[in-house]
Amino acid sequence: MINWLSTLPQSFLLNGFAEQSSDNLIASQNSVGPAKIRQRSTSTPYMLAGSMVFTPAQKSDFKTFVVGTIASGAKAFNFPNPDGGEPLLVRLKPGYTFSYIGNNWKVSLEFEVLP
């Protein structure tokens, strides 16, 4: 199994960190009365989003990891659990962004946490 690089930050910055549940319901319309609603699945992915600060060397490591190791986000990997405990199996969502702050880079990214 692929693991998040130990040379990169092991957690998101607290400011701006978000965890978002996904819609796991399906509705079926009846000819009369309210819709029937049920779960689609007993387990469903959810999203983690936030930012990290990278040094220039860490930015280079991250880009190599993304392109070379996880095939631009196609492969899942283990990421440290923000709540503690066992690492989470995640996939990187497309569209991470870098912004320059001081001598470092702030990266904003989003993970899909797999069941």
N, C-alpha and C. Protein backbone atom coordinates (compact mmCIF):
# COMPACT_ATOMS: atom_id res chain seq x y z
N MET A 1 0.85 -1.18 0.00
CA MET A 1 0.00 0.00 0.00
C MET A 1 0.88 1.24 0.00
N ILE A 2 0.42 2.25 -0.68
CA ILE A 2 1.13 3.53 -0.79
C ILE A 2 0.81 4.37 0.44
N ASN A 3 1.82 5.03 0.98
CA ASN A 3 1.65 5.90 2.15
C ASN A 3 2.01 7.34 1.79
N TRP A 4 1.32 8.28 2.44
CA TRP A 4 1.65 9.70 2.35
C TRP A 4 3.11 9.85 2.75
N LEU A 5 3.84 10.70 2.07
CA LEU A 5 5.27 10.85 2.34
C LEU A 5 5.54 11.38 3.75
N SER A 6 6.50 10.78 4.43
CA SER A 6 6.85 11.22 5.78
C SER A 6 7.55 12.57 5.76
N THR A 7 8.07 12.98 4.60
CA THR A 7 8.74 14.29 4.49
C THR A 7 7.76 15.44 4.34
N LEU A 8 6.46 15.12 4.15
CA LEU A 8 5.43 16.16 3.99
C LEU A 8 4.69 16.35 5.32
N PRO A 9 4.02 17.50 5.50
CA PRO A 9 3.23 17.70 6.73
C PRO A 9 2.25 16.54 6.92
N GLN A 10 2.03 16.16 8.16
CA GLN A 10 1.18 15.01 8.49
C GLN A 10 -0.24 15.41 8.86
N SER A 11 -0.55 16.70 8.74
CA SER A 11 -1.91 17.15 9.05
C SER A 11 -2.19 18.45 8.29
N PHE A 12 -3.48 18.75 8.17
CA PHE A 12 -3.91 20.01 7.57
C PHE A 12 -3.75 21.15 8.58
N LEU A 13 -3.65 22.38 8.07
CA LEU A 13 -3.74 23.55 8.95
C LEU A 13 -5.15 23.58 9.53
N LEU A 14 -5.29 23.96 10.78
CA LEU A 14 -6.62 24.00 11.40
C LEU A 14 -7.52 25.03 10.74
N ASN A 15 -6.95 26.18 10.38
CA ASN A 15 -7.74 27.23 9.76
C ASN A 15 -8.13 26.80 8.35
N GLY A 16 -9.40 26.58 8.11
CA GLY A 16 -9.89 26.20 6.80
C GLY A 16 -10.08 24.71 6.59
N PHE A 17 -9.74 23.91 7.58
CA PHE A 17 -9.94 22.46 7.45
C PHE A 17 -11.43 22.13 7.46
N ALA A 18 -11.84 21.21 6.57
CA ALA A 18 -13.26 20.84 6.49
C ALA A 18 -13.39 19.35 6.22
N GLU A 19 -14.41 18.78 6.82
CA GLU A 19 -14.80 17.39 6.56
C GLU A 19 -16.25 17.43 6.10
N GLN A 20 -16.53 16.85 4.94
CA GLN A 20 -17.88 16.94 4.38
C GLN A 20 -18.41 15.54 4.08
N SER A 21 -19.59 15.27 4.61
CA SER A 21 -20.23 13.99 4.33
C SER A 21 -20.76 13.99 2.91
N SER A 22 -21.04 12.81 2.40
CA SER A 22 -21.60 12.72 1.05
C SER A 22 -23.05 12.26 1.13
N ASP A 23 -23.79 12.52 0.08
CA ASP A 23 -25.19 12.14 0.00
C ASP A 23 -25.27 10.64 -0.26
N ASN A 24 -25.83 9.90 0.69
CA ASN A 24 -25.92 8.45 0.59
C ASN A 24 -27.38 8.00 0.55
N LEU A 25 -28.26 8.86 0.09
CA LEU A 25 -29.68 8.52 0.06
C LEU A 25 -30.18 8.48 -1.38
N ILE A 26 -31.18 7.65 -1.60
CA ILE A 26 -31.85 7.58 -2.88
C ILE A 26 -33.35 7.64 -2.64
N ALA A 27 -34.05 8.41 -3.45
CA ALA A 27 -35.50 8.57 -3.28
C ALA A 27 -36.23 7.98 -4.48
N SER A 28 -37.31 7.30 -4.22
CA SER A 28 -38.18 6.75 -5.27
C SER A 28 -39.56 7.36 -5.11
N GLN A 29 -40.05 7.95 -6.18
CA GLN A 29 -41.37 8.57 -6.13
C GLN A 29 -42.46 7.50 -6.17
N ASN A 30 -43.47 7.68 -5.37
CA ASN A 30 -44.65 6.82 -5.40
C ASN A 30 -45.74 7.50 -6.22
N SER A 31 -46.70 6.73 -6.67
CA SER A 31 -47.79 7.36 -7.41
C SER A 31 -48.63 8.24 -6.49
N VAL A 32 -48.68 7.90 -5.21
CA VAL A 32 -49.41 8.69 -4.23
C VAL A 32 -48.57 8.74 -2.95
N GLY A 33 -48.53 9.88 -2.32
CA GLY A 33 -47.85 10.00 -1.04
C GLY A 33 -46.39 10.41 -1.17
N PRO A 34 -45.72 10.45 -0.03
CA PRO A 34 -44.33 10.90 -0.03
C PRO A 34 -43.40 9.86 -0.67
N ALA A 35 -42.24 10.34 -1.07
CA ALA A 35 -41.25 9.46 -1.69
C ALA A 35 -40.71 8.47 -0.67
N LYS A 36 -40.30 7.30 -1.15
CA LYS A 36 -39.59 6.33 -0.33
C LYS A 36 -38.12 6.71 -0.37
N ILE A 37 -37.49 6.72 0.78
CA ILE A 37 -36.07 7.07 0.86
C ILE A 37 -35.34 5.95 1.55
N ARG A 38 -34.17 5.59 0.99
CA ARG A 38 -33.33 4.55 1.59
C ARG A 38 -31.87 4.89 1.37
N GLN A 39 -31.01 4.17 2.08
CA GLN A 39 -29.57 4.32 1.89
C GLN A 39 -29.16 3.68 0.57
N ARG A 40 -28.21 4.31 -0.12
CA ARG A 40 -27.64 3.70 -1.32
C ARG A 40 -26.69 2.57 -0.94
N SER A 41 -25.94 2.79 0.12
CA SER A 41 -24.88 1.86 0.51
C SER A 41 -24.68 1.93 2.01
N THR A 42 -24.10 0.89 2.57
CA THR A 42 -23.81 0.90 4.01
C THR A 42 -22.51 1.65 4.31
N SER A 43 -21.70 1.88 3.29
CA SER A 43 -20.49 2.69 3.47
C SER A 43 -20.34 3.60 2.26
N THR A 44 -19.96 4.82 2.52
CA THR A 44 -19.86 5.81 1.44
C THR A 44 -18.64 6.69 1.67
N PRO A 45 -18.01 7.16 0.60
CA PRO A 45 -16.86 8.05 0.78
C PRO A 45 -17.31 9.41 1.33
N TYR A 46 -16.36 10.12 1.92
CA TYR A 46 -16.59 11.50 2.35
C TYR A 46 -15.35 12.32 2.02
N MET A 47 -15.44 13.62 2.15
CA MET A 47 -14.37 14.51 1.71
C MET A 47 -13.65 15.16 2.88
N LEU A 48 -12.34 15.31 2.72
CA LEU A 48 -11.51 16.13 3.60
C LEU A 48 -10.89 17.21 2.74
N ALA A 49 -10.92 18.44 3.19
CA ALA A 49 -10.33 19.54 2.44
C ALA A 49 -9.59 20.46 3.40
N GLY A 50 -8.51 21.01 2.91
CA GLY A 50 -7.75 21.93 3.75
C GLY A 50 -6.47 22.37 3.07
N SER A 51 -5.61 22.95 3.86
CA SER A 51 -4.35 23.49 3.34
C SER A 51 -3.18 23.00 4.18
N MET A 52 -2.02 23.00 3.57
CA MET A 52 -0.76 22.69 4.22
C MET A 52 0.28 23.68 3.73
N VAL A 53 1.32 23.88 4.51
CA VAL A 53 2.42 24.75 4.08
C VAL A 53 3.62 23.86 3.76
N PHE A 54 4.14 24.01 2.54
CA PHE A 54 5.29 23.24 2.07
C PHE A 54 6.49 24.16 1.88
N THR A 55 7.66 23.63 2.18
CA THR A 55 8.90 24.28 1.76
C THR A 55 9.05 24.03 0.26
N PRO A 56 9.94 24.74 -0.41
CA PRO A 56 10.16 24.44 -1.83
C PRO A 56 10.54 22.97 -2.08
N ALA A 57 11.34 22.37 -1.20
CA ALA A 57 11.71 20.96 -1.36
C ALA A 57 10.50 20.06 -1.18
N GLN A 58 9.63 20.38 -0.22
CA GLN A 58 8.42 19.58 -0.02
C GLN A 58 7.47 19.71 -1.20
N LYS A 59 7.40 20.90 -1.80
CA LYS A 59 6.56 21.08 -2.99
C LYS A 59 7.03 20.15 -4.10
N SER A 60 8.32 20.08 -4.29
CA SER A 60 8.89 19.19 -5.30
C SER A 60 8.58 17.73 -4.98
N ASP A 61 8.74 17.34 -3.71
CA ASP A 61 8.41 15.97 -3.27
C ASP A 61 6.95 15.65 -3.54
N PHE A 62 6.06 16.60 -3.23
CA PHE A 62 4.63 16.40 -3.42
C PHE A 62 4.31 16.19 -4.90
N LYS A 63 4.86 17.02 -5.76
CA LYS A 63 4.57 16.90 -7.19
C LYS A 63 5.08 15.57 -7.74
N THR A 64 6.24 15.13 -7.29
CA THR A 64 6.76 13.82 -7.70
C THR A 64 5.86 12.70 -7.20
N PHE A 65 5.39 12.82 -5.96
CA PHE A 65 4.48 11.84 -5.37
C PHE A 65 3.19 11.76 -6.18
N VAL A 66 2.62 12.91 -6.51
CA VAL A 66 1.35 12.95 -7.24
C VAL A 66 1.49 12.34 -8.63
N VAL A 67 2.47 12.77 -9.38
CA VAL A 67 2.61 12.31 -10.76
C VAL A 67 3.17 10.89 -10.83
N GLY A 68 4.22 10.63 -10.06
CA GLY A 68 4.90 9.34 -10.17
C GLY A 68 4.33 8.22 -9.34
N THR A 69 3.92 8.51 -8.11
CA THR A 69 3.51 7.45 -7.20
C THR A 69 2.02 7.17 -7.25
N ILE A 70 1.20 8.23 -7.23
CA ILE A 70 -0.26 8.00 -7.20
C ILE A 70 -0.93 8.29 -8.54
N ALA A 71 -0.13 8.34 -9.59
CA ALA A 71 -0.66 8.47 -10.96
C ALA A 71 -1.66 9.61 -11.10
N SER A 72 -1.25 10.79 -10.65
CA SER A 72 -2.06 12.02 -10.74
C SER A 72 -3.39 11.92 -10.00
N GLY A 73 -3.45 11.06 -9.00
CA GLY A 73 -4.66 10.92 -8.19
C GLY A 73 -5.46 9.68 -8.47
N ALA A 74 -5.04 8.86 -9.43
CA ALA A 74 -5.78 7.64 -9.77
C ALA A 74 -5.62 6.56 -8.70
N LYS A 75 -4.50 6.55 -7.99
CA LYS A 75 -4.24 5.53 -6.98
C LYS A 75 -4.52 6.06 -5.57
N ALA A 76 -5.09 5.22 -4.75
CA ALA A 76 -5.37 5.56 -3.35
C ALA A 76 -4.10 5.40 -2.52
N PHE A 77 -4.08 6.08 -1.38
CA PHE A 77 -2.93 5.98 -0.47
C PHE A 77 -3.40 6.21 0.97
N ASN A 78 -2.56 5.83 1.91
CA ASN A 78 -2.86 6.03 3.34
C ASN A 78 -2.42 7.44 3.74
N PHE A 79 -3.32 8.12 4.48
CA PHE A 79 -3.04 9.46 4.98
C PHE A 79 -3.34 9.47 6.48
N PRO A 80 -2.50 10.15 7.28
CA PRO A 80 -2.75 10.19 8.73
C PRO A 80 -4.16 10.70 9.05
N ASN A 81 -4.82 10.01 9.94
CA ASN A 81 -6.19 10.34 10.33
C ASN A 81 -6.18 11.62 11.17
N PRO A 82 -6.91 12.68 10.75
CA PRO A 82 -6.95 13.91 11.53
C PRO A 82 -7.53 13.72 12.93
N ASP A 83 -8.34 12.68 13.12
CA ASP A 83 -8.93 12.39 14.43
C ASP A 83 -8.09 11.42 15.25
N GLY A 84 -6.92 11.04 14.74
CA GLY A 84 -6.10 10.04 15.40
C GLY A 84 -6.53 8.65 14.97
N GLY A 85 -5.84 7.66 15.41
CA GLY A 85 -6.19 6.29 15.06
C GLY A 85 -5.55 5.85 13.77
N GLU A 86 -6.14 4.83 13.17
CA GLU A 86 -5.61 4.24 11.96
C GLU A 86 -5.62 5.23 10.80
N PRO A 87 -4.62 5.15 9.91
CA PRO A 87 -4.61 6.03 8.74
C PRO A 87 -5.84 5.80 7.88
N LEU A 88 -6.20 6.83 7.13
CA LEU A 88 -7.35 6.77 6.22
C LEU A 88 -6.89 6.42 4.82
N LEU A 89 -7.67 5.62 4.12
CA LEU A 89 -7.41 5.35 2.71
C LEU A 89 -8.08 6.46 1.92
N VAL A 90 -7.28 7.25 1.19
CA VAL A 90 -7.79 8.42 0.49
C VAL A 90 -7.32 8.43 -0.97
N ARG A 91 -8.01 9.26 -1.75
CA ARG A 91 -7.61 9.55 -3.12
C ARG A 91 -7.57 11.06 -3.26
N LEU A 92 -6.54 11.58 -3.91
CA LEU A 92 -6.41 13.02 -4.12
C LEU A 92 -7.38 13.46 -5.22
N LYS A 93 -8.19 14.45 -4.92
CA LYS A 93 -9.11 15.00 -5.92
C LYS A 93 -8.32 15.96 -6.83
N PRO A 94 -8.68 16.04 -8.10
CA PRO A 94 -7.98 16.97 -9.00
C PRO A 94 -8.21 18.42 -8.58
N GLY A 95 -7.25 19.26 -8.91
CA GLY A 95 -7.43 20.69 -8.70
C GLY A 95 -6.74 21.28 -7.50
N TYR A 96 -5.68 20.66 -7.00
CA TYR A 96 -4.95 21.28 -5.90
C TYR A 96 -4.29 22.56 -6.41
N THR A 97 -4.13 23.53 -5.51
CA THR A 97 -3.54 24.81 -5.91
C THR A 97 -2.42 25.21 -4.96
N PHE A 98 -1.42 25.89 -5.50
CA PHE A 98 -0.32 26.42 -4.71
C PHE A 98 -0.39 27.94 -4.70
N SER A 99 -0.11 28.54 -3.55
CA SER A 99 0.05 29.98 -3.48
C SER A 99 1.31 30.27 -2.66
N TYR A 100 2.05 31.25 -3.10
CA TYR A 100 3.34 31.58 -2.49
C TYR A 100 3.12 32.43 -1.25
N ILE A 101 3.68 32.00 -0.11
CA ILE A 101 3.59 32.79 1.12
C ILE A 101 4.98 32.84 1.75
N GLY A 102 5.55 34.02 1.79
CA GLY A 102 6.90 34.15 2.34
C GLY A 102 7.88 33.34 1.50
N ASN A 103 8.61 32.44 2.15
CA ASN A 103 9.56 31.57 1.44
C ASN A 103 8.99 30.18 1.21
N ASN A 104 7.72 30.01 1.47
CA ASN A 104 7.09 28.69 1.37
C ASN A 104 5.89 28.71 0.43
N TRP A 105 5.26 27.55 0.30
CA TRP A 105 4.09 27.38 -0.56
C TRP A 105 2.94 26.84 0.26
N LYS A 106 1.79 27.47 0.11
CA LYS A 106 0.56 26.96 0.73
C LYS A 106 -0.18 26.18 -0.34
N VAL A 107 -0.45 24.91 -0.07
CA VAL A 107 -1.19 24.08 -1.02
C VAL A 107 -2.58 23.82 -0.46
N SER A 108 -3.59 24.03 -1.28
CA SER A 108 -4.97 23.72 -0.91
C SER A 108 -5.35 22.47 -1.68
N LEU A 109 -5.83 21.46 -0.94
CA LEU A 109 -6.15 20.21 -1.59
C LEU A 109 -7.34 19.53 -0.95
N GLU A 110 -7.84 18.53 -1.65
CA GLU A 110 -9.04 17.83 -1.21
C GLU A 110 -8.81 16.33 -1.40
N PHE A 111 -9.19 15.55 -0.38
CA PHE A 111 -9.09 14.10 -0.43
C PHE A 111 -10.48 13.49 -0.38
N GLU A 112 -10.66 12.42 -1.12
CA GLU A 112 -11.85 11.60 -1.00
C GLU A 112 -11.47 10.43 -0.10
N VAL A 113 -12.14 10.32 1.05
CA VAL A 113 -11.85 9.24 1.99
C VAL A 113 -12.70 8.03 1.57
N LEU A 114 -12.01 6.95 1.27
CA LEU A 114 -12.68 5.75 0.76
C LEU A 114 -13.15 4.85 1.90
N PRO A 115 -14.26 4.15 1.69
CA PRO A 115 -14.75 3.24 2.74
C PRO A 115 -13.84 2.04 2.95
